[in-house]
C-alpha atoms as a PDB file:
ATOM      1  CA  MET A   1     134.091 223.669 125.676  1.00  0.00           C
ATOM      2  CA  GLU A   2     133.601 222.268 129.162  1.00  0.00           C
ATOM      3  CA  ASN A   3     132.285 218.903 127.920  1.00  0.00           C
ATOM      4  CA  SER A   4     135.317 218.497 125.433  1.00  0.00           C
ATOM      5  CA  GLU A   5     137.822 219.329 128.110  1.00  0.00           C
ATOM      6  CA  GLN A   6     136.046 216.591 130.402  1.00  0.00           C
ATOM      7  CA  HIS A   7     135.624 214.279 127.859  1.00  0.00           C
ATOM      8  CA  ALA A   8     139.495 214.780 126.854  1.00  0.00           C
ATOM      9  CA  GLU A   9     140.122 214.442 130.916  1.00  0.00           C
ATOM     10  CA  LYS A  10     138.163 210.969 130.874  1.00  0.00           C
ATOM     11  CA  THR A  11     140.149 209.668 128.179  1.00  0.00           C
ATOM     12  CA  GLU A  12     143.346 210.551 129.651  1.00  0.00           C
ATOM     13  CA  GLU A  13     142.253 208.653 132.798  1.00  0.00           C
ATOM     14  CA  LYS A  14     141.107 205.850 130.998  1.00  0.00           C
ATOM     15  CA  LYS A  15     144.768 206.005 129.001  1.00  0.00           C
ATOM     16  CA  GLU A  16     146.495 205.703 132.652  1.00  0.00           C
ATOM     17  CA  HIS A  17     144.345 203.474 133.849  1.00  0.00           C
ATOM     18  CA  ALA A  18     145.089 200.824 131.210  1.00  0.00           C
ATOM     19  CA  GLN A  19     148.669 201.425 131.431  1.00  0.00           C
ATOM     20  CA  GLU A  20     148.612 200.648 134.865  1.00  0.00           C
ATOM     21  CA  GLN A  21     146.852 197.477 134.303  1.00  0.00           C
ATOM     22  CA  LYS A  22     149.086 196.650 131.877  1.00  0.00           C
ATOM     23  CA  HIS A  23     152.101 197.334 133.863  1.00  0.00           C
ATOM     24  CA  LYS A  24     150.908 195.312 136.844  1.00  0.00           C
ATOM     25  CA  THR A  25     149.853 192.259 134.742  1.00  0.00           C
ATOM     26  CA  PHE A  26     153.336 192.268 133.236  1.00  0.00           C
ATOM     27  CA  LYS A  27     155.038 192.656 136.716  1.00  0.00           C
ATOM     28  CA  GLU A  28     152.531 189.693 137.897  1.00  0.00           C
ATOM     29  CA  HIS A  29     153.872 187.687 134.700  1.00  0.00           C
ATOM     30  CA  LYS A  30     157.635 188.643 135.418  1.00  0.00           C
ATOM     31  CA  HIS A  31     157.358 187.394 139.164  1.00  0.00           C
ATOM     32  CA  TRP A  32     155.875 184.231 137.993  1.00  0.00           C
ATOM     33  CA  TYR A  33     158.722 183.744 135.338  1.00  0.00           C
ATOM     34  CA  ASP A  34     161.556 184.751 137.459  1.00  0.00           C
ATOM     35  CA  LYS A  35     160.135 181.865 139.824  1.00  0.00           C
ATOM     36  CA  HIS A  36     159.502 179.069 137.321  1.00  0.00           C
ATOM     37  CA  HIS A  37     161.709 180.001 134.251  1.00  0.00           C
ATOM     38  CA  LYS A  38     164.118 177.052 135.387  1.00  0.00           C
ATOM     39  CA  THR A  39     161.221 174.572 135.815  1.00  0.00           C
ATOM     40  CA  LEU A  40     159.945 175.165 132.013  1.00  0.00           C
ATOM     41  CA  LEU A  41     163.106 174.308 130.875  1.00  0.00           C
ATOM     42  CA  LEU A  42     162.690 171.093 132.093  1.00  0.00           C
ATOM     43  CA  ILE A  43     159.778 170.288 129.674  1.00  0.00           C
ATOM     44  CA  PRO A  44     161.353 170.143 126.377  1.00  0.00           C
ATOM     45  CA  LEU A  45     164.616 168.334 128.003  1.00  0.00           C
ATOM     46  CA  ILE A  46     162.081 165.499 129.029  1.00  0.00           C
ATOM     47  CA  VAL A  47     160.713 165.232 125.685  1.00  0.00           C
ATOM     48  CA  LEU A  48     163.959 165.568 123.569  1.00  0.00           C
ATOM     49  CA  ALA A  49     164.837 162.973 126.157  1.00  0.00           C
ATOM     50  CA  LEU A  50     162.251 160.634 125.264  1.00  0.00           C
ATOM     51  CA  CYS A  51     162.854 161.383 121.253  1.00  0.00           C
ATOM     52  CA  LEU A  52     166.358 160.373 121.699  1.00  0.00           C
ATOM     53  CA  VAL A  53     165.814 157.159 123.713  1.00  0.00           C
ATOM     54  CA  TYR A  54     163.192 156.553 120.981  1.00  0.00           C
ATOM     55  CA  LEU A  55     165.616 156.988 117.649  1.00  0.00           C
ATOM     56  CA  VAL A  56     168.504 154.821 119.686  1.00  0.00           C
ATOM     57  CA  ILE A  57     165.722 151.847 119.547  1.00  0.00           C
ATOM     58  CA  PHE A  58     164.668 152.152 116.692  1.00  0.00           C
ATOM     59  CA  TYR A  59     167.914 152.174 114.627  1.00  0.00           C
ATOM     60  CA  GLN A  60     168.692 149.369 117.017  1.00  0.00           C
ATOM     61  CA  ASN A  61     165.903 147.786 115.215  1.00  0.00           C
ATOM     62  CA  HIS A  62     166.030 149.051 111.654  1.00  0.00           C
ATOM     63  CA  GLY A  63     169.696 149.874 111.514  1.00  0.00           C
ATOM     64  CA  ASP A  64     168.845 153.284 110.327  1.00  0.00           C
ATOM     65  CA  PHE A  65     167.421 156.340 111.831  1.00  0.00           C
ATOM     66  CA  ILE A  66     164.400 156.997 109.134  1.00  0.00           C
ATOM     67  CA  TYR A  67     162.276 154.667 107.196  1.00  0.00           C
ATOM     68  CA  LYS A  68     163.439 155.401 103.663  1.00  0.00           C
ATOM     69  CA  ASP A  69     160.980 155.466 100.475  1.00  0.00           C
ATOM     70  CA  VAL A  70     162.301 154.170  97.331  1.00  0.00           C
ATOM     71  CA  SER A  71     163.988 157.347  96.381  1.00  0.00           C
ATOM     72  CA  LEU A  72     166.614 156.585  99.175  1.00  0.00           C
ATOM     73  CA  SER A  73     166.323 152.781  99.591  1.00  0.00           C
ATOM     74  CA  GLY A  74     166.051 151.566  95.849  1.00  0.00           C
ATOM     75  CA  GLY A  75     163.302 149.653  94.243  1.00  0.00           C
ATOM     76  CA  SER A  76     160.642 150.225  91.395  1.00  0.00           C
ATOM     77  CA  SER A  77     158.272 153.064  90.589  1.00  0.00           C
ATOM     78  CA  ILE A  78     155.486 152.499  88.125  1.00  0.00           C
ATOM     79  CA  THR A  79     153.264 155.551  87.394  1.00  0.00           C
ATOM     80  CA  LEU A  80     149.704 154.295  85.709  1.00  0.00           C
ATOM     81  CA  GLN A  81     148.466 157.328  83.752  1.00  0.00           C
ATOM     82  CA  GLY A  82     144.431 157.889  84.198  1.00  0.00           C
ATOM     83  CA  ASN A  83     141.575 157.131  86.969  1.00  0.00           C
ATOM     84  CA  ILE A  84     143.063 153.841  88.344  1.00  0.00           C
ATOM     85  CA  ASN A  85     140.727 151.920  91.201  1.00  0.00           C
ATOM     86  CA  ARG A  86     143.244 152.212  93.874  1.00  0.00           C
ATOM     87  CA  GLU A  87     141.547 149.783  96.170  1.00  0.00           C
ATOM     88  CA  VAL A  88     141.532 147.101  93.742  1.00  0.00           C
ATOM     89  CA  LEU A  89     145.270 147.411  93.642  1.00  0.00           C
ATOM     90  CA  GLU A  90     146.185 147.558  97.164  1.00  0.00           C
ATOM     91  CA  THR A  91     144.282 144.372  97.778  1.00  0.00           C
ATOM     92  CA  GLY A  92     145.774 142.584  94.685  1.00  0.00           C
ATOM     93  CA  LEU A  93     149.268 143.491  95.494  1.00  0.00           C
ATOM     94  CA  LYS A  94     149.607 143.732  99.277  1.00  0.00           C
ATOM     95  CA  THR A  95     149.658 140.401  99.846  1.00  0.00           C
ATOM     96  CA  LYS A  96     152.659 139.705  97.267  1.00  0.00           C
ATOM     97  CA  PHE A  97     154.706 143.123  98.074  1.00  0.00           C
ATOM     98  CA  PRO A  98     154.069 143.776 101.844  1.00  0.00           C
ATOM     99  CA  ASP A  99     156.149 147.135 101.272  1.00  0.00           C
ATOM    100  CA  VAL A 100     154.201 148.411  98.446  1.00  0.00           C
ATOM    101  CA  SER A 101     153.154 151.591  98.484  1.00  0.00           C
ATOM    102  CA  PHE A 102     150.490 153.749  96.698  1.00  0.00           C
ATOM    103  CA  THR A 103     150.104 157.486  95.723  1.00  0.00           C
ATOM    104  CA  SER A 104     147.334 159.400  93.982  1.00  0.00           C
ATOM    105  CA  LEU A 105     147.730 162.310  91.944  1.00  0.00           C
ATOM    106  CA  SER A 106     145.077 164.403  91.323  1.00  0.00           C
ATOM    107  CA  ASP A 107     144.685 167.791  89.076  1.00  0.00           C
ATOM    108  CA  ILE A 108     144.185 170.578  91.482  1.00  0.00           C
ATOM    109  CA  THR A 109     141.272 172.296  89.607  1.00  0.00           C
ATOM    110  CA  SER A 110     138.988 169.299  89.303  1.00  0.00           C
ATOM    111  CA  GLN A 111     140.422 167.164  91.962  1.00  0.00           C
ATOM    112  CA  LYS A 112     139.977 164.251  89.314  1.00  0.00           C
ATOM    113  CA  GLN A 113     142.684 161.685  90.021  1.00  0.00           C
ATOM    114  CA  ILE A 114     144.894 161.520  86.504  1.00  0.00           C
ATOM    115  CA  ALA A 115     147.501 159.311  87.744  1.00  0.00           C
ATOM    116  CA  LEU A 116     148.526 156.592  90.476  1.00  0.00           C
ATOM    117  CA  ILE A 117     151.884 155.702  91.535  1.00  0.00           C
ATOM    118  CA  ILE A 118     153.116 152.387  93.045  1.00  0.00           C
ATOM    119  CA  GLU A 119     156.484 151.886  94.581  1.00  0.00           C
ATOM    120  CA  SER A 120     158.286 148.703  95.651  1.00  0.00           C
ATOM    121  CA  SER A 121     161.518 147.161  96.823  1.00  0.00           C
ATOM    122  CA  ALA A 122     160.396 144.512  94.342  1.00  0.00           C
ATOM    123  CA  GLU A 123     162.415 144.185  90.680  1.00  0.00           C
ATOM    124  CA  PRO A 124     160.317 146.008  87.904  1.00  0.00           C
ATOM    125  CA  GLN A 125     159.341 143.124  85.745  1.00  0.00           C
ATOM    126  CA  THR A 126     157.782 141.258  88.998  1.00  0.00           C
ATOM    127  CA  LEU A 127     156.121 144.208  89.895  1.00  0.00           C
ATOM    128  CA  LYS A 128     154.650 145.034  86.556  1.00  0.00           C
ATOM    129  CA  LEU A 129     153.283 141.469  85.829  1.00  0.00           C
ATOM    130  CA  GLU A 130     151.713 141.251  88.737  1.00  0.00           C
ATOM    131  CA  ILE A 131     150.088 145.217  88.221  1.00  0.00           C
ATOM    132  CA  GLU A 132     148.862 143.488  84.649  1.00  0.00           C
ATOM    133  CA  LYS A 133     147.093 140.692  86.171  1.00  0.00           C
ATOM    134  CA  VAL A 134     145.199 142.244  88.616  1.00  0.00           C
ATOM    135  CA  LEU A 135     144.203 145.209  86.060  1.00  0.00           C
ATOM    136  CA  GLY A 136     143.696 142.866  83.394  1.00  0.00           C
ATOM    137  CA  TYR A 137     145.147 144.858  80.354  1.00  0.00           C
ATOM    138  CA  GLU A 138     148.959 145.142  79.433  1.00  0.00           C
ATOM    139  CA  LEU A 139     151.104 148.274  80.600  1.00  0.00           C
ATOM    140  CA  THR A 140     152.554 149.895  77.912  1.00  0.00           C
ATOM    141  CA  ASP A 141     154.507 153.450  77.247  1.00  0.00           C
ATOM    142  CA  ALA A 142     151.043 154.855  76.227  1.00  0.00           C
ATOM    143  CA  ASN A 143     149.491 154.128  80.094  1.00  0.00           C
ATOM    144  CA  SER A 144     152.299 153.901  82.271  1.00  0.00           C
ATOM    145  CA  THR A 145     156.080 154.878  83.026  1.00  0.00           C
ATOM    146  CA  ILE A 146     158.392 152.739  84.855  1.00  0.00           C
ATOM    147  CA  GLU A 147     161.203 153.776  86.912  1.00  0.00           C
ATOM    148  CA  PHE A 148     164.022 151.725  88.515  1.00  0.00           C
ATOM    149  CA  THR A 149     166.679 153.006  91.198  1.00  0.00           C
ATOM    150  CA  GLY A 150     169.362 150.503  92.207  1.00  0.00           C
ATOM    151  CA  SER A 151     169.802 149.954  95.970  1.00  0.00           C
ATOM    152  CA  THR A 152     173.594 151.029  95.399  1.00  0.00           C
ATOM    153  CA  LEU A 153     173.105 154.313  93.871  1.00  0.00           C
ATOM    154  CA  SER A 154     170.175 155.486  96.198  1.00  0.00           C
ATOM    155  CA  GLN A 155     172.172 154.523  99.126  1.00  0.00           C
ATOM    156  CA  GLY A 156     175.028 156.808  97.605  1.00  0.00           C
ATOM    157  CA  PHE A 157     172.250 159.601  97.422  1.00  0.00           C
ATOM    158  CA  TYR A 158     171.044 159.096 100.658  1.00  0.00           C
ATOM    159  CA  LYS A 159     174.685 159.450 102.226  1.00  0.00           C
ATOM    160  CA  GLN A 160     175.218 162.189 100.002  1.00  0.00           C
ATOM    161  CA  LEU A 161     171.967 164.137 101.813  1.00  0.00           C
ATOM    162  CA  ILE A 162     172.831 163.038 104.966  1.00  0.00           C
ATOM    163  CA  MET A 163     176.327 164.430 104.791  1.00  0.00           C
ATOM    164  CA  ALA A 164     174.795 167.674 103.064  1.00  0.00           C
ATOM    165  CA  LEU A 165     172.271 168.213 106.311  1.00  0.00           C
ATOM    166  CA  ILE A 166     175.484 167.295 108.915  1.00  0.00           C
ATOM    167  CA  ILE A 167     177.914 170.045 107.042  1.00  0.00           C
ATOM    168  CA  SER A 168     174.758 172.345 107.000  1.00  0.00           C
ATOM    169  CA  PHE A 169     174.475 171.893 110.566  1.00  0.00           C
ATOM    170  CA  ILE A 170     178.309 172.585 111.606  1.00  0.00           C
ATOM    171  CA  LEU A 171     178.704 175.294 109.572  1.00  0.00           C
ATOM    172  CA  MET A 172     175.574 176.676 111.215  1.00  0.00           C
ATOM    173  CA  SER A 173     177.216 175.961 114.429  1.00  0.00           C
ATOM    174  CA  PHE A 174     180.278 178.097 113.481  1.00  0.00           C
ATOM    175  CA  VAL A 175     178.486 181.069 112.535  1.00  0.00           C
ATOM    176  CA  ILE A 176     176.461 180.862 115.745  1.00  0.00           C
ATOM    177  CA  LEU A 177     179.724 180.534 117.770  1.00  0.00           C
ATOM    178  CA  PHE A 178     181.452 183.305 115.426  1.00  0.00           C
ATOM    179  CA  LEU A 179     178.404 185.749 115.997  1.00  0.00           C
ATOM    180  CA  PHE A 180     177.865 186.018 119.699  1.00  0.00           C
ATOM    181  CA  ARG A 181     181.668 184.697 120.666  1.00  0.00           C
ATOM    182  CA  THR A 182     179.641 183.328 124.025  1.00  0.00           C
ATOM    183  CA  PHE A 183     179.970 179.483 124.687  1.00  0.00           C
ATOM    184  CA  ILE A 184     176.693 179.422 126.460  1.00  0.00           C
ATOM    185  CA  PRO A 185     174.418 181.509 124.787  1.00  0.00           C
ATOM    186  CA  SER A 186     175.676 179.976 121.513  1.00  0.00           C
ATOM    187  CA  ILE A 187     175.393 176.552 122.533  1.00  0.00           C
ATOM    188  CA  ALA A 188     171.855 176.987 123.653  1.00  0.00           C
ATOM    189  CA  VAL A 189     171.319 178.119 120.101  1.00  0.00           C
ATOM    190  CA  ILE A 190     172.561 175.068 118.612  1.00  0.00           C
ATOM    191  CA  PHE A 191     170.874 172.913 121.225  1.00  0.00           C
ATOM    192  CA  ALA A 192     167.820 174.397 120.336  1.00  0.00           C
ATOM    193  CA  VAL A 193     168.432 173.699 116.308  1.00  0.00           C
ATOM    194  CA  PHE A 194     169.474 170.361 117.293  1.00  0.00           C
ATOM    195  CA  ALA A 195     165.982 169.550 118.776  1.00  0.00           C
ATOM    196  CA  ASP A 196     164.230 170.756 116.021  1.00  0.00           C
ATOM    197  CA  ILE A 197     165.549 168.191 114.279  1.00  0.00           C
ATOM    198  CA  VAL A 198     165.217 165.371 116.821  1.00  0.00           C
ATOM    199  CA  MET A 199     161.913 165.605 117.357  1.00  0.00           C
ATOM    200  CA  PRO A 200     160.380 165.771 114.040  1.00  0.00           C
ATOM    201  CA  LEU A 201     162.259 162.817 112.942  1.00  0.00           C
ATOM    202  CA  ALA A 202     161.191 161.010 116.197  1.00  0.00           C
ATOM    203  CA  VAL A 203     157.634 161.947 115.238  1.00  0.00           C
ATOM    204  CA  LEU A 204     157.769 161.196 111.700  1.00  0.00           C
ATOM    205  CA  ASN A 205     159.043 157.387 112.781  1.00  0.00           C
ATOM    206  CA  PHE A 206     156.613 157.072 115.049  1.00  0.00           C
ATOM    207  CA  PHE A 207     153.693 157.155 112.527  1.00  0.00           C
ATOM    208  CA  GLU A 208     156.118 155.193 110.027  1.00  0.00           C
ATOM    209  CA  VAL A 209     156.224 158.181 107.564  1.00  0.00           C
ATOM    210  CA  LYS A 210     158.735 157.146 104.612  1.00  0.00           C
ATOM    211  CA  ILE A 211     160.854 160.059 104.096  1.00  0.00           C
ATOM    212  CA  SER A 212     162.100 160.718 100.306  1.00  0.00           C
ATOM    213  CA  ALA A 213     164.820 162.882  99.236  1.00  0.00           C
ATOM    214  CA  ALA A 214     162.304 165.790  99.648  1.00  0.00           C
ATOM    215  CA  GLY A 215     162.468 164.908 103.412  1.00  0.00           C
ATOM    216  CA  ILE A 216     165.615 165.359 103.864  1.00  0.00           C
ATOM    217  CA  ALA A 217     165.528 168.870 101.833  1.00  0.00           C
ATOM    218  CA  ALA A 218     162.803 169.733 104.502  1.00  0.00           C
ATOM    219  CA  PHE A 219     165.287 169.155 107.255  1.00  0.00           C
ATOM    220  CA  LEU A 220     167.847 171.499 105.856  1.00  0.00           C
ATOM    221  CA  MET A 221     164.859 174.214 105.215  1.00  0.00           C
ATOM    222  CA  LEU A 222     163.925 173.530 109.028  1.00  0.00           C
ATOM    223  CA  ILE A 223     167.966 174.565 110.332  1.00  0.00           C
ATOM    224  CA  GLY A 224     167.249 177.756 108.396  1.00  0.00           C
ATOM    225  CA  TYR A 225     163.819 178.324 110.116  1.00  0.00           C
ATOM    226  CA  SER A 226     164.702 176.926 113.731  1.00  0.00           C
ATOM    227  CA  VAL A 227     167.944 179.414 113.693  1.00  0.00           C
ATOM    228  CA  ASP A 228     166.420 182.603 112.889  1.00  0.00           C
ATOM    229  CA  THR A 229     164.049 182.935 116.187  1.00  0.00           C
ATOM    230  CA  ASP A 230     166.893 181.827 118.334  1.00  0.00           C
ATOM    231  CA  ILE A 231     169.018 184.555 116.925  1.00  0.00           C
ATOM    232  CA  LEU A 232     166.395 186.863 117.460  1.00  0.00           C
ATOM    233  CA  LEU A 233     165.882 186.334 121.053  1.00  0.00           C
ATOM    234  CA  THR A 234     169.681 185.546 121.870  1.00  0.00           C
ATOM    235  CA  SER A 235     170.518 189.210 120.266  1.00  0.00           C
ATOM    236  CA  ARG A 236     168.051 190.977 121.648  1.00  0.00           C
ATOM    237  CA  ALA A 237     168.496 189.447 125.304  1.00  0.00           C
ATOM    238  CA  LEU A 238     172.449 190.096 125.066  1.00  0.00           C
ATOM    239  CA  LYS A 239     173.066 192.994 122.544  1.00  0.00           C
ATOM    240  CA  SER A 240     170.295 195.241 123.633  1.00  0.00           C
ATOM    241  CA  HIS A 241     170.369 197.131 126.895  1.00  0.00           C
ATOM    242  CA  GLU A 242     166.778 199.710 126.264  1.00  0.00           C
ATOM    243  CA  ASP A 243     164.640 197.627 128.508  1.00  0.00           C
ATOM    244  CA  SER A 244     164.697 195.503 131.544  1.00  0.00           C
ATOM    245  CA  LEU A 245     165.953 191.743 130.477  1.00  0.00           C
ATOM    246  CA  ASN A 246     162.589 190.633 130.777  1.00  0.00           C
ATOM    247  CA  LYS A 247     160.991 192.899 128.550  1.00  0.00           C
ATOM    248  CA  ARG A 248     163.620 191.738 125.971  1.00  0.00           C
ATOM    249  CA  ILE A 249     162.855 188.421 125.752  1.00  0.00           C
ATOM    250  CA  TYR A 250     159.152 189.293 125.755  1.00  0.00           C
ATOM    251  CA  GLY A 251     159.447 191.577 122.838  1.00  0.00           C
ATOM    252  CA  ALA A 252     161.740 188.895 121.284  1.00  0.00           C
ATOM    253  CA  PHE A 253     158.874 186.322 121.734  1.00  0.00           C
ATOM    254  CA  LYS A 254     155.954 188.753 120.535  1.00  0.00           C
ATOM    255  CA  THR A 255     158.148 189.121 116.872  1.00  0.00           C
ATOM    256  CA  GLY A 256     159.427 185.543 116.813  1.00  0.00           C
ATOM    257  CA  ILE A 257     155.990 183.795 117.642  1.00  0.00           C
ATOM    258  CA  LEU A 258     154.558 186.278 114.792  1.00  0.00           C
ATOM    259  CA  MET A 259     157.373 184.693 112.662  1.00  0.00           C
ATOM    260  CA  THR A 260     156.491 181.336 113.454  1.00  0.00           C
ATOM    261  CA  LEU A 261     152.366 181.267 113.657  1.00  0.00           C
ATOM    262  CA  THR A 262     152.882 183.105 110.004  1.00  0.00           C
ATOM    263  CA  ALA A 263     155.244 180.127 108.333  1.00  0.00           C
ATOM    264  CA  LEU A 264     152.724 177.790 110.122  1.00  0.00           C
ATOM    265  CA  ALA A 265     149.584 179.310 108.512  1.00  0.00           C
ATOM    266  CA  ALA A 266     151.221 179.254 105.290  1.00  0.00           C
ATOM    267  CA  VAL A 267     152.233 175.284 105.588  1.00  0.00           C
ATOM    268  CA  LEU A 268     149.238 173.723 107.538  1.00  0.00           C
ATOM    269  CA  PRO A 269     146.236 174.888 104.924  1.00  0.00           C
ATOM    270  CA  ALA A 270     148.879 173.405 101.870  1.00  0.00           C
ATOM    271  CA  PHE A 271     149.338 169.979 103.616  1.00  0.00           C
ATOM    272  CA  PHE A 272     145.616 170.033 104.800  1.00  0.00           C
ATOM    273  CA  LEU A 273     143.485 171.612 102.277  1.00  0.00           C
ATOM    274  CA  VAL A 274     145.244 171.715  98.887  1.00  0.00           C
ATOM    275  CA  THR A 275     144.589 168.466  97.336  1.00  0.00           C
ATOM    276  CA  GLY A 276     146.510 167.236  94.076  1.00  0.00           C
ATOM    277  CA  LEU A 277     149.614 167.803  95.571  1.00  0.00           C
ATOM    278  CA  PRO A 278     152.738 165.762  94.715  1.00  0.00           C
ATOM    279  CA  ASP A 279     153.911 163.651  97.985  1.00  0.00           C
ATOM    280  CA  SER A 280     157.417 165.461  97.726  1.00  0.00           C
ATOM    281  CA  PHE A 281     155.515 168.823  98.564  1.00  0.00           C
ATOM    282  CA  ARG A 282     153.135 167.026 101.322  1.00  0.00           C
ATOM    283  CA  GLN A 283     155.666 165.828 103.217  1.00  0.00           C
ATOM    284  CA  ILE A 284     157.920 169.066 102.833  1.00  0.00           C
ATOM    285  CA  PHE A 285     155.033 170.705 104.667  1.00  0.00           C
ATOM    286  CA  LEU A 286     154.444 168.136 107.104  1.00  0.00           C
ATOM    287  CA  ILE A 287     158.297 168.277 108.220  1.00  0.00           C
ATOM    288  CA  LEU A 288     158.052 172.043 108.339  1.00  0.00           C
ATOM    289  CA  ALA A 289     154.931 172.187 110.605  1.00  0.00           C
ATOM    290  CA  ILE A 290     156.406 169.596 113.106  1.00  0.00           C
ATOM    291  CA  GLY A 291     159.592 171.426 113.070  1.00  0.00           C
ATOM    292  CA  LEU A 292     158.060 174.306 113.715  1.00  0.00           C
ATOM    293  CA  CYS A 293     155.752 173.356 116.477  1.00  0.00           C
ATOM    294  CA  ALA A 294     158.771 172.015 118.035  1.00  0.00           C
ATOM    295  CA  ASP A 295     160.723 175.171 117.507  1.00  0.00           C
ATOM    296  CA  ILE A 296     158.507 177.264 119.962  1.00  0.00           C
ATOM    297  CA  PHE A 297     159.031 174.545 122.810  1.00  0.00           C
ATOM    298  CA  ASN A 298     162.941 174.979 122.295  1.00  0.00           C
ATOM    299  CA  THR A 299     163.023 178.068 121.549  1.00  0.00           C
ATOM    300  CA  TRP A 300     161.041 180.017 123.800  1.00  0.00           C
ATOM    301  CA  LEU A 301     161.281 177.029 127.021  1.00  0.00           C
ATOM    302  CA  THR A 302     164.861 175.853 126.473  1.00  0.00           C
ATOM    303  CA  ASN A 303     166.779 178.888 124.751  1.00  0.00           C
ATOM    304  CA  ALA A 304     164.945 181.356 126.628  1.00  0.00           C
ATOM    305  CA  SER A 305     165.300 179.705 130.134  1.00  0.00           C
ATOM    306  CA  ILE A 306     169.288 179.006 129.598  1.00  0.00           C
ATOM    307  CA  ILE A 307     169.312 182.745 128.264  1.00  0.00           C
ATOM    308  CA  LYS A 308     167.944 184.193 131.260  1.00  0.00           C
ATOM    309  CA  TRP A 309     169.609 182.082 133.823  1.00  0.00           C
ATOM    310  CA  TYR A 310     173.284 183.088 131.712  1.00  0.00           C
ATOM    311  CA  CYS A 311     171.724 186.760 131.764  1.00  0.00           C
ATOM    312  CA  ASP A 312     171.108 186.219 135.645  1.00  0.00           C
ATOM    313  CA  LYS A 313     174.436 184.892 136.704  1.00  0.00           C
ATOM    314  CA  ARG A 314     176.512 187.708 134.698  1.00  0.00           C
ATOM    315  CA  GLY A 315     174.349 190.476 136.496  1.00  0.00           C
ATOM    316  CA  ILE A 316     172.927 191.610 132.358  1.00  0.00           C
ATOM    317  CA  LYS A 317     169.746 193.366 133.384  1.00  0.00           C
END
């Protein structure tokens, strides 16, 4: 009986000691965060400024903000059925068609190549004849499919997609302003979402990734992913008064970072490990992965720092 009581007392002492250590660690972090949260704000702001400068220079050099693939710029797309030697085609076509691109389609189960997609801004007949020269046989309806998209049609489609993206961003901004009805917290959320779009765009351009219609759709999805964590943070900080401000921000961080890491755990393995996926899916996963990584900085450094500064100024504890 005495041993049981002693064991219970020791267990209780350990719990109290653990609680004291946790409280002490939180106080240390609180003091550090109170002192440096404004400095942390500079990191994503500098990165965003560099991205904007890069995009302005990119626009001056290319006349647009992205590298567009055939679906957005117009051109020919020829799909060759079967296991085609890609290296031979690349060697034979690159000299005559500098902008030609190749996409292999594989069976997800066997990993065997089932088709090769060749895209270029060249006329379909010109591209077809050159492919036939390299392969040494004629392309027919049985072994290939040929598609051509005019530049006017592609440009119109591209403008519609960009307009949809802009309208979505504007409507999201109105919803945020209506939801919080305070200028600075609302602008902080909108600014973070804007940065989540700009940063991935700069990264994609830097690595010369040609964006398709699916890529534009991925940016639309990114607006939804980005605004979730920002609304979570702002709501917890402004509308809840259960704990101290730092504890509310920390609680929002634990929930929000779990949401982001869960989404990354879904898209990254799909991008790196699943072979045979169409390029449109891989591009969606890539854009979402880069955007979610950017969201970690823009929400928990930029937005959190602005919200904390705002709450301190307004005396919200």
